[in-house]
């Protein structure tokens, strides 16, 4: 393996790690919001009759879309890789805004 091939593999792992960390953070924020909502319901004396199945569905769709984007980006140029980070960054920003807006 040459030095440039090793650098390319390490660079790919960096982009995959960036995607994974942004997606997992966004998904974690959504589940944190759901947990806070369940705690508020429990404080009022009602049982949490809601489920988190819709959150897992949304998370699965976001991850599948990101895998398609990531596959496209890894075949493209460096600029394509930077552009591909927009999707998980937007998802993270949306999850953060949901958490902040519901708990203010």
C-alpha atoms as a PDB file:
ATOM      1  CA  UNK A   1       0.000   0.000   0.000  1.00  0.00           C
ATOM      2  CA  UNK A   2       1.444   3.352  -0.968  1.00  0.00           C
ATOM      3  CA  UNK A   3       1.403   6.466   1.147  1.00  0.00           C
ATOM      4  CA  UNK A   4      -1.274   8.118  -1.021  1.00  0.00           C
ATOM      5  CA  UNK A   5      -3.524   5.061  -0.756  1.00  0.00           C
ATOM      6  CA  UNK A   6      -3.134   5.050   3.032  1.00  0.00           C
ATOM      7  CA  UNK A   7      -3.938   8.760   3.116  1.00  0.00           C
ATOM      8  CA  UNK A   8      -7.035   8.203   0.981  1.00  0.00           C
ATOM      9  CA  UNK A   9      -8.282   5.457   3.291  1.00  0.00           C
ATOM     10  CA  UNK A  10      -7.656   7.591   6.384  1.00  0.00           C
ATOM     11  CA  UNK A  11      -9.398  10.532   4.722  1.00  0.00           C
ATOM     12  CA  UNK A  12     -12.404   8.339   3.906  1.00  0.00           C
ATOM     13  CA  UNK A  13     -12.588   7.212   7.529  1.00  0.00           C
ATOM     14  CA  UNK A  14     -12.522  10.853   8.623  1.00  0.00           C
ATOM     15  CA  UNK A  15     -15.477  11.734   6.410  1.00  0.00           C
ATOM     16  CA  UNK A  16     -17.391   8.647   7.470  1.00  0.00           C
ATOM     17  CA  UNK A  17     -16.670   9.500  11.101  1.00  0.00           C
ATOM     18  CA  UNK A  18     -17.874  13.064  10.614  1.00  0.00           C
ATOM     19  CA  UNK A  19     -21.104  11.817   9.041  1.00  0.00           C
ATOM     20  CA  UNK A  20     -21.619   9.248  11.778  1.00  0.00           C
ATOM     21  CA  UNK A  21     -20.975  11.664  14.610  1.00  0.00           C
ATOM     22  CA  UNK A  22     -23.334  14.300  13.209  1.00  0.00           C
ATOM     23  CA  UNK A  23     -26.070  11.751  12.553  1.00  0.00           C
ATOM     24  CA  UNK A  24     -25.740  10.038  15.913  1.00  0.00           C
ATOM     25  CA  UNK A  25     -25.742  13.389  17.687  1.00  0.00           C
ATOM     26  CA  UNK A  26     -28.894  14.457  15.863  1.00  0.00           C
ATOM     27  CA  UNK A  27     -30.633  11.165  16.568  1.00  0.00           C
ATOM     28  CA  UNK A  28     -29.551  11.380  20.205  1.00  0.00           C
ATOM     29  CA  UNK A  29     -30.982  14.890  20.504  1.00  0.00           C
ATOM     30  CA  UNK A  30     -34.333  13.718  19.137  1.00  0.00           C
ATOM     31  CA  UNK A  31     -34.468  10.844  21.602  1.00  0.00           C
ATOM     32  CA  UNK A  32     -33.426  13.197  24.416  1.00  0.00           C
ATOM     33  CA  UNK A  33     -36.344  15.459  23.509  1.00  0.00           C
ATOM     34  CA  UNK A  34     -38.661  12.438  23.574  1.00  0.00           C
ATOM     35  CA  UNK A  35     -37.303  11.431  27.007  1.00  0.00           C
ATOM     36  CA  UNK A  36     -37.843  14.952  28.377  1.00  0.00           C
ATOM     37  CA  UNK A  37     -41.369  14.870  26.997  1.00  0.00           C
ATOM     38  CA  UNK A  38     -42.001  11.518  28.734  1.00  0.00           C
ATOM     39  CA  UNK A  39     -40.707  12.960  32.015  1.00  0.00           C
ATOM     40  CA  UNK A  40     -43.074  15.912  31.742  1.00  0.00           C
ATOM     41  CA  UNK A  41     -45.980  13.558  31.106  1.00  0.00           C
ATOM     42  CA  UNK A  42     -44.998  11.440  34.112  1.00  0.00           C
ATOM     43  CA  UNK A  43     -44.835  14.536  36.352  1.00  0.00           C
ATOM     44  CA  UNK A  44     -48.413  15.361  35.393  1.00  0.00           C
ATOM     45  CA  UNK A  45     -49.547  11.912  36.479  1.00  0.00           C
ATOM     46  CA  UNK A  46     -50.211  10.434  33.051  1.00  0.00           C
ATOM     47  CA  UNK A  47     -48.443   7.351  31.794  1.00  0.00           C
ATOM     48  CA  UNK A  48     -46.300   7.625  28.677  1.00  0.00           C
ATOM     49  CA  UNK A  49     -48.670   5.996  26.231  1.00  0.00           C
ATOM     50  CA  UNK A  50     -46.702   7.271  23.248  1.00  0.00           C
ATOM     51  CA  UNK A  51     -43.997   5.211  21.628  1.00  0.00           C
ATOM     52  CA  UNK A  52     -40.775   6.204  19.949  1.00  0.00           C
ATOM     53  CA  UNK A  53     -41.352   4.095  16.851  1.00  0.00           C
ATOM     54  CA  UNK A  54     -41.802   7.152  14.649  1.00  0.00           C
ATOM     55  CA  UNK A  55     -38.419   8.472  15.814  1.00  0.00           C
ATOM     56  CA  UNK A  56     -36.733   5.228  14.851  1.00  0.00           C
ATOM     57  CA  UNK A  57     -38.449   5.387  11.463  1.00  0.00           C
ATOM     58  CA  UNK A  58     -37.306   8.952  10.844  1.00  0.00           C
ATOM     59  CA  UNK A  59     -33.802   8.081  12.035  1.00  0.00           C
ATOM     60  CA  UNK A  60     -33.646   5.065   9.722  1.00  0.00           C
ATOM     61  CA  UNK A  61     -34.705   7.148   6.711  1.00  0.00           C
ATOM     62  CA  UNK A  62     -32.136   9.834   7.516  1.00  0.00           C
ATOM     63  CA  UNK A  63     -29.366   7.236   7.873  1.00  0.00           C
ATOM     64  CA  UNK A  64     -30.334   5.534   4.582  1.00  0.00           C
ATOM     65  CA  UNK A  65     -30.334   8.862   2.742  1.00  0.00           C
ATOM     66  CA  UNK A  66     -26.973   9.690   4.288  1.00  0.00           C
ATOM     67  CA  UNK A  67     -25.510   6.364   3.183  1.00  0.00           C
ATOM     68  CA  UNK A  68     -26.534   7.130  -0.402  1.00  0.00           C
ATOM     69  CA  UNK A  69     -25.032  10.616  -0.147  1.00  0.00           C
ATOM     70  CA  UNK A  70     -21.874   9.246   1.454  1.00  0.00           C
ATOM     71  CA  UNK A  71     -21.450   6.665  -1.290  1.00  0.00           C
ATOM     72  CA  UNK A  72     -21.780   9.399  -3.904  1.00  0.00           C
ATOM     73  CA  UNK A  73     -19.350  11.661  -2.055  1.00  0.00           C
ATOM     74  CA  UNK A  74     -16.641   9.037  -1.606  1.00  0.00           C
ATOM     75  CA  UNK A  75     -16.565   8.471  -5.358  1.00  0.00           C
ATOM     76  CA  UNK A  76     -16.318  12.184  -6.086  1.00  0.00           C
ATOM     77  CA  UNK A  77     -13.875  14.954  -5.447  1.00  0.00           C
ATOM     78  CA  UNK A  78     -12.948  16.604  -2.165  1.00  0.00           C
ATOM     79  CA  UNK A  79     -15.521  19.345  -2.784  1.00  0.00           C
ATOM     80  CA  UNK A  80     -18.220  16.684  -3.108  1.00  0.00           C
ATOM     81  CA  UNK A  81     -17.205  15.371   0.306  1.00  0.00           C
ATOM     82  CA  UNK A  82     -17.534  18.788   1.896  1.00  0.00           C
ATOM     83  CA  UNK A  83     -20.934  19.302   0.277  1.00  0.00           C
ATOM     84  CA  UNK A  84     -22.060  15.890   1.497  1.00  0.00           C
ATOM     85  CA  UNK A  85     -21.559  17.046   5.090  1.00  0.00           C
ATOM     86  CA  UNK A  86     -24.465  19.456   4.647  1.00  0.00           C
ATOM     87  CA  UNK A  87     -27.096  16.708   5.008  1.00  0.00           C
ATOM     88  CA  UNK A  88     -26.052  15.432   8.444  1.00  0.00           C
ATOM     89  CA  UNK A  89     -25.282  18.993   9.568  1.00  0.00           C
ATOM     90  CA  UNK A  90     -28.791  20.105   8.605  1.00  0.00           C
ATOM     91  CA  UNK A  91     -30.282  17.099  10.393  1.00  0.00           C
ATOM     92  CA  UNK A  92     -28.257  17.897  13.510  1.00  0.00           C
ATOM     93  CA  UNK A  93     -29.334  21.564  13.352  1.00  0.00           C
ATOM     94  CA  UNK A  94     -32.986  20.553  12.970  1.00  0.00           C
ATOM     95  CA  UNK A  95     -32.766  18.167  15.940  1.00  0.00           C
ATOM     96  CA  UNK A  96     -31.055  20.842  18.031  1.00  0.00           C
ATOM     97  CA  UNK A  97     -33.703  23.409  17.119  1.00  0.00           C
ATOM     98  CA  UNK A  98     -36.467  20.953  18.084  1.00  0.00           C
ATOM     99  CA  UNK A  99     -34.813  20.371  21.452  1.00  0.00           C
ATOM    100  CA  UNK A 100     -34.270  24.077  22.136  1.00  0.00           C
ATOM    101  CA  UNK A 101     -37.688  25.188  20.902  1.00  0.00           C
ATOM    102  CA  UNK A 102     -39.571  22.641  22.992  1.00  0.00           C
ATOM    103  CA  UNK A 103     -37.678  23.294  26.204  1.00  0.00           C
ATOM    104  CA  UNK A 104     -37.544  27.087  26.272  1.00  0.00           C
END
